[in-house]
Amino acid sequence: MENNLLERIQSDPKIMFGKPVIRGTRLTVEIVLEKLAYGETEDQIIKSYPFLQKDDIKAALLYAAKYLSLEELCAAN
């Protein structure tokens, strides 16, 4: 399940300067996370970006969690 979600995220230097995006789009993980932080629901985000699926939002959250766990490890060394 985890790998399936993470496959929805891609980083390509040719797309949005290499920022992680929802695969096949130019929508960054950062934007999805900001919308959630400001209180938007999954349904509201999907209404704004109808090409998204709920699993894309879950993938953005999981990607951020995994990224932060790596940052924590790197900072400790």
C-alpha atoms as a PDB file:
ATOM      1  CA  MET A   1       0.000   0.000   0.000  1.00  0.00           C
ATOM      2  CA  GLU A   2       2.775   2.435   0.972  1.00  0.00           C
ATOM      3  CA  ASN A   3       4.707   1.917  -2.253  1.00  0.00           C
ATOM      4  CA  ASN A   4       1.534   2.278  -4.304  1.00  0.00           C
ATOM      5  CA  LEU A   5       0.899   5.650  -2.697  1.00  0.00           C
ATOM      6  CA  LEU A   6       4.467   6.859  -3.110  1.00  0.00           C
ATOM      7  CA  GLU A   7       4.378   5.931  -6.813  1.00  0.00           C
ATOM      8  CA  ARG A   8       1.838   8.738  -7.206  1.00  0.00           C
ATOM      9  CA  ILE A   9       4.571  11.294  -6.449  1.00  0.00           C
ATOM     10  CA  GLN A  10       7.322  12.182  -8.899  1.00  0.00           C
ATOM     11  CA  SER A  11      10.256  14.565  -9.008  1.00  0.00           C
ATOM     12  CA  ASP A  12      11.595  15.567 -12.396  1.00  0.00           C
ATOM     13  CA  PRO A  13      13.940  18.518 -12.943  1.00  0.00           C
ATOM     14  CA  LYS A  14      11.919  19.368 -16.074  1.00  0.00           C
ATOM     15  CA  ILE A  15       8.655  19.699 -14.092  1.00  0.00           C
ATOM     16  CA  MET A  16       8.229  22.493 -11.530  1.00  0.00           C
ATOM     17  CA  PHE A  17      12.012  22.773 -11.076  1.00  0.00           C
ATOM     18  CA  GLY A  18      12.177  19.242  -9.669  1.00  0.00           C
ATOM     19  CA  LYS A  19       9.742  19.819  -6.819  1.00  0.00           C
ATOM     20  CA  PRO A  20       7.732  16.706  -5.960  1.00  0.00           C
ATOM     21  CA  VAL A  21       4.412  16.719  -7.794  1.00  0.00           C
ATOM     22  CA  ILE A  22       1.403  14.476  -8.138  1.00  0.00           C
ATOM     23  CA  ARG A  23       2.413  12.149 -10.998  1.00  0.00           C
ATOM     24  CA  GLY A  24       1.180  13.317 -14.383  1.00  0.00           C
ATOM     25  CA  THR A  25       0.407  16.838 -13.144  1.00  0.00           C
ATOM     26  CA  ARG A  26       2.171  20.066 -12.264  1.00  0.00           C
ATOM     27  CA  LEU A  27       0.479  20.189  -8.857  1.00  0.00           C
ATOM     28  CA  THR A  28       3.141  20.175  -6.151  1.00  0.00           C
ATOM     29  CA  VAL A  29       2.990  18.226  -2.928  1.00  0.00           C
ATOM     30  CA  GLU A  30       3.657  21.564  -1.235  1.00  0.00           C
ATOM     31  CA  ILE A  31       0.394  23.073  -2.521  1.00  0.00           C
ATOM     32  CA  VAL A  32      -1.629  20.049  -1.410  1.00  0.00           C
ATOM     33  CA  LEU A  33      -0.089  20.214   2.072  1.00  0.00           C
ATOM     34  CA  GLU A  34      -0.687  23.965   2.361  1.00  0.00           C
ATOM     35  CA  LYS A  35      -4.335  23.547   1.448  1.00  0.00           C
ATOM     36  CA  LEU A  36      -4.732  20.880   4.126  1.00  0.00           C
ATOM     37  CA  ALA A  37      -2.894  23.077   6.656  1.00  0.00           C
ATOM     38  CA  TYR A  38      -5.285  25.953   5.949  1.00  0.00           C
ATOM     39  CA  GLY A  39      -8.229  23.680   6.698  1.00  0.00           C
ATOM     40  CA  GLU A  40      -9.418  22.578   3.286  1.00  0.00           C
ATOM     41  CA  THR A  41     -10.924  19.113   3.219  1.00  0.00           C
ATOM     42  CA  GLU A  42      -9.994  16.415   0.729  1.00  0.00           C
ATOM     43  CA  ASP A  43     -13.301  16.995  -1.043  1.00  0.00           C
ATOM     44  CA  GLN A  44     -12.646  20.749  -1.339  1.00  0.00           C
ATOM     45  CA  ILE A  45      -9.192  20.137  -2.773  1.00  0.00           C
ATOM     46  CA  ILE A  46     -10.563  17.630  -5.273  1.00  0.00           C
ATOM     47  CA  LYS A  47     -13.255  20.132  -6.256  1.00  0.00           C
ATOM     48  CA  SER A  48     -10.495  22.668  -7.007  1.00  0.00           C
ATOM     49  CA  TYR A  49      -8.374  20.061  -8.805  1.00  0.00           C
ATOM     50  CA  PRO A  50     -10.829  17.535 -10.278  1.00  0.00           C
ATOM     51  CA  PHE A  51      -8.016  15.420 -11.744  1.00  0.00           C
ATOM     52  CA  LEU A  52      -6.939  14.476  -8.191  1.00  0.00           C
ATOM     53  CA  GLN A  53      -8.005  11.395  -6.314  1.00  0.00           C
ATOM     54  CA  LYS A  54      -8.096  10.954  -2.556  1.00  0.00           C
ATOM     55  CA  ASP A  55      -5.114   8.613  -2.797  1.00  0.00           C
ATOM     56  CA  ASP A  56      -3.115  11.474  -4.354  1.00  0.00           C
ATOM     57  CA  ILE A  57      -3.706  13.526  -1.221  1.00  0.00           C
ATOM     58  CA  LYS A  58      -2.757  10.587   0.990  1.00  0.00           C
ATOM     59  CA  ALA A  59       0.370  10.145  -1.125  1.00  0.00           C
ATOM     60  CA  ALA A  60       1.330  13.800  -0.568  1.00  0.00           C
ATOM     61  CA  LEU A  61       1.000  13.359   3.195  1.00  0.00           C
ATOM     62  CA  LEU A  62       2.976  10.124   3.189  1.00  0.00           C
ATOM     63  CA  TYR A  63       5.688  11.648   1.005  1.00  0.00           C
ATOM     64  CA  ALA A  64       6.050  14.569   3.420  1.00  0.00           C
ATOM     65  CA  ALA A  65       6.261  12.226   6.409  1.00  0.00           C
ATOM     66  CA  LYS A  66       8.909  10.082   4.719  1.00  0.00           C
ATOM     67  CA  TYR A  67      10.877  13.154   3.635  1.00  0.00           C
ATOM     68  CA  LEU A  68      10.856  14.573   7.153  1.00  0.00           C
ATOM     69  CA  SER A  69      11.981  11.280   8.637  1.00  0.00           C
ATOM     70  CA  LEU A  70      14.999  11.344   6.312  1.00  0.00           C
ATOM     71  CA  GLU A  71      15.745  14.966   7.181  1.00  0.00           C
ATOM     72  CA  GLU A  72      15.725  14.088  10.862  1.00  0.00           C
ATOM     73  CA  LEU A  73      18.236  11.298  10.269  1.00  0.00           C
ATOM     74  CA  CYS A  74      20.498  13.566   8.213  1.00  0.00           C
ATOM     75  CA  ALA A  75      20.368  16.360  10.809  1.00  0.00           C
ATOM     76  CA  ALA A  76      21.355  13.956  13.588  1.00  0.00           C
ATOM     77  CA  ASN A  77      24.589  12.982  11.816  1.00  0.00           C
END
